[in-house]
Amino acid sequence: MEARPRAYAYALQQCQVAPRDAMLVAVHPWDTDGASRAGLSSAWINRSSARYPPPTS
């Protein structure tokens, strides 16, 4: 389950940061996908040597 784009927009607004200047680092692929879709840079930390899931759309 990924956060809705408005959740990222709210966080960016509260931090007074533009999406291009923000980055989300997470251990769950769906979090990095959601952040990328909201315009943020993202990084996935692979703690289990799993393969990154392919995009669904």
N, C-alpha and C. Protein backbone atom coordinates (compact mmCIF):
# COMPACT_ATOMS: atom_id res chain seq x y z
N MET A 1 0.85 -1.17 0.00
CA MET A 1 0.00 0.00 0.00
C MET A 1 0.89 1.24 0.00
N GLU A 2 0.74 2.07 -0.97
CA GLU A 2 1.55 3.27 -1.06
C GLU A 2 0.74 4.49 -0.64
N ALA A 3 1.46 5.49 -0.19
CA ALA A 3 0.79 6.73 0.20
C ALA A 3 0.22 7.43 -1.03
N ARG A 4 -0.86 8.12 -0.83
CA ARG A 4 -1.46 8.89 -1.92
C ARG A 4 -0.58 10.11 -2.21
N PRO A 5 -0.60 10.59 -3.44
CA PRO A 5 0.22 11.76 -3.79
C PRO A 5 0.01 12.96 -2.87
N ARG A 6 -1.20 13.13 -2.37
CA ARG A 6 -1.44 14.28 -1.49
C ARG A 6 -0.68 14.16 -0.17
N ALA A 7 -0.36 12.93 0.25
CA ALA A 7 0.44 12.76 1.47
C ALA A 7 1.85 13.31 1.25
N TYR A 8 2.42 13.02 0.08
CA TYR A 8 3.74 13.55 -0.23
C TYR A 8 3.67 15.07 -0.39
N ALA A 9 2.63 15.55 -1.05
CA ALA A 9 2.47 17.00 -1.23
C ALA A 9 2.37 17.72 0.11
N TYR A 10 1.64 17.12 1.04
CA TYR A 10 1.50 17.71 2.37
C TYR A 10 2.86 17.77 3.08
N ALA A 11 3.61 16.67 3.05
CA ALA A 11 4.92 16.64 3.70
C ALA A 11 5.86 17.67 3.08
N LEU A 12 5.85 17.76 1.76
CA LEU A 12 6.71 18.74 1.08
C LEU A 12 6.32 20.16 1.45
N GLN A 13 5.03 20.41 1.53
CA GLN A 13 4.55 21.74 1.89
C GLN A 13 4.98 22.09 3.32
N GLN A 14 4.82 21.15 4.23
CA GLN A 14 5.19 21.39 5.63
C GLN A 14 6.68 21.64 5.79
N CYS A 15 7.48 20.97 4.97
CA CYS A 15 8.94 21.13 5.02
C CYS A 15 9.42 22.27 4.14
N GLN A 16 8.50 22.84 3.36
CA GLN A 16 8.83 23.92 2.42
C GLN A 16 9.94 23.50 1.46
N VAL A 17 9.73 22.33 0.87
CA VAL A 17 10.70 21.75 -0.06
C VAL A 17 9.98 21.37 -1.35
N ALA A 18 10.61 21.64 -2.47
CA ALA A 18 10.07 21.23 -3.77
C ALA A 18 10.33 19.74 -3.99
N PRO A 19 9.46 19.05 -4.72
CA PRO A 19 9.68 17.62 -4.96
C PRO A 19 11.06 17.31 -5.54
N ARG A 20 11.54 18.15 -6.42
CA ARG A 20 12.85 17.89 -7.05
C ARG A 20 14.00 17.98 -6.04
N ASP A 21 13.75 18.60 -4.88
CA ASP A 21 14.78 18.75 -3.85
C ASP A 21 14.61 17.76 -2.69
N ALA A 22 13.69 16.81 -2.84
CA ALA A 22 13.41 15.85 -1.77
C ALA A 22 13.74 14.44 -2.23
N MET A 23 14.00 13.60 -1.25
CA MET A 23 14.28 12.20 -1.55
C MET A 23 13.71 11.33 -0.44
N LEU A 24 13.12 10.22 -0.83
CA LEU A 24 12.62 9.24 0.13
C LEU A 24 13.49 7.99 0.03
N VAL A 25 13.98 7.54 1.17
CA VAL A 25 14.75 6.30 1.24
C VAL A 25 13.92 5.33 2.07
N ALA A 26 13.67 4.13 1.53
CA ALA A 26 12.78 3.20 2.21
C ALA A 26 13.21 1.76 1.96
N VAL A 27 12.68 0.87 2.78
CA VAL A 27 12.96 -0.56 2.62
C VAL A 27 11.82 -1.28 1.90
N HIS A 28 10.73 -0.58 1.62
CA HIS A 28 9.59 -1.18 0.92
C HIS A 28 9.50 -0.60 -0.49
N PRO A 29 9.51 -1.44 -1.50
CA PRO A 29 9.47 -0.95 -2.87
C PRO A 29 8.27 -0.06 -3.17
N TRP A 30 7.11 -0.36 -2.57
CA TRP A 30 5.93 0.44 -2.86
C TRP A 30 6.08 1.86 -2.35
N ASP A 31 6.86 2.07 -1.30
CA ASP A 31 7.10 3.43 -0.81
C ASP A 31 7.94 4.22 -1.81
N THR A 32 8.99 3.59 -2.34
CA THR A 32 9.83 4.30 -3.30
C THR A 32 9.07 4.57 -4.59
N ASP A 33 8.21 3.65 -4.98
CA ASP A 33 7.39 3.85 -6.18
C ASP A 33 6.45 5.04 -5.99
N GLY A 34 5.79 5.10 -4.86
CA GLY A 34 4.87 6.21 -4.60
C GLY A 34 5.58 7.55 -4.58
N ALA A 35 6.74 7.59 -3.97
CA ALA A 35 7.52 8.83 -3.92
C ALA A 35 7.94 9.25 -5.32
N SER A 36 8.39 8.30 -6.12
CA SER A 36 8.80 8.62 -7.49
C SER A 36 7.63 9.16 -8.30
N ARG A 37 6.46 8.56 -8.12
CA ARG A 37 5.27 9.05 -8.84
C ARG A 37 4.86 10.45 -8.39
N ALA A 38 5.26 10.84 -7.18
CA ALA A 38 4.95 12.17 -6.67
C ALA A 38 6.04 13.18 -7.02
N GLY A 39 7.06 12.75 -7.75
CA GLY A 39 8.10 13.66 -8.22
C GLY A 39 9.35 13.72 -7.37
N LEU A 40 9.43 12.89 -6.34
CA LEU A 40 10.62 12.87 -5.48
C LEU A 40 11.64 11.88 -6.04
N SER A 41 12.89 12.08 -5.70
CA SER A 41 13.89 11.04 -5.93
C SER A 41 13.65 9.97 -4.89
N SER A 42 14.08 8.76 -5.18
CA SER A 42 13.88 7.70 -4.20
C SER A 42 15.01 6.69 -4.26
N ALA A 43 15.20 6.00 -3.14
CA ALA A 43 16.20 4.94 -3.06
C ALA A 43 15.61 3.79 -2.26
N TRP A 44 15.81 2.59 -2.76
CA TRP A 44 15.31 1.39 -2.10
C TRP A 44 16.48 0.69 -1.42
N ILE A 45 16.35 0.41 -0.14
CA ILE A 45 17.36 -0.34 0.61
C ILE A 45 16.91 -1.79 0.63
N ASN A 46 17.66 -2.63 -0.02
CA ASN A 46 17.33 -4.04 -0.14
C ASN A 46 17.96 -4.80 1.03
N ARG A 47 17.16 -5.07 2.04
CA ARG A 47 17.66 -5.75 3.24
C ARG A 47 17.63 -7.26 3.12
N SER A 48 16.99 -7.79 2.09
CA SER A 48 16.82 -9.25 2.03
C SER A 48 17.35 -9.87 0.74
N SER A 49 18.09 -9.14 -0.04
CA SER A 49 18.61 -9.61 -1.33
C SER A 49 17.50 -10.00 -2.29
N ALA A 50 16.31 -9.44 -2.10
CA ALA A 50 15.19 -9.70 -3.00
C ALA A 50 15.37 -8.91 -4.29
N ARG A 51 14.64 -9.33 -5.31
CA ARG A 51 14.63 -8.58 -6.56
C ARG A 51 13.60 -7.48 -6.44
N TYR A 52 13.91 -6.33 -7.02
CA TYR A 52 12.93 -5.24 -7.03
C TYR A 52 11.77 -5.66 -7.91
N PRO A 53 10.54 -5.51 -7.42
CA PRO A 53 9.40 -5.96 -8.24
C PRO A 53 9.25 -5.12 -9.50
N PRO A 54 8.79 -5.77 -10.57
CA PRO A 54 8.58 -5.01 -11.82
C PRO A 54 7.42 -4.04 -11.65
N PRO A 55 7.41 -2.95 -12.42
CA PRO A 55 6.30 -1.99 -12.34
C PRO A 55 4.98 -2.65 -12.76
N THR A 56 3.90 -2.22 -12.11
CA THR A 56 2.61 -2.79 -12.43
C THR A 56 1.87 -1.95 -13.46
N SER A 57 2.25 -0.69 -13.60
CA SER A 57 1.61 0.16 -14.62
C SER A 57 2.46 1.35 -14.92
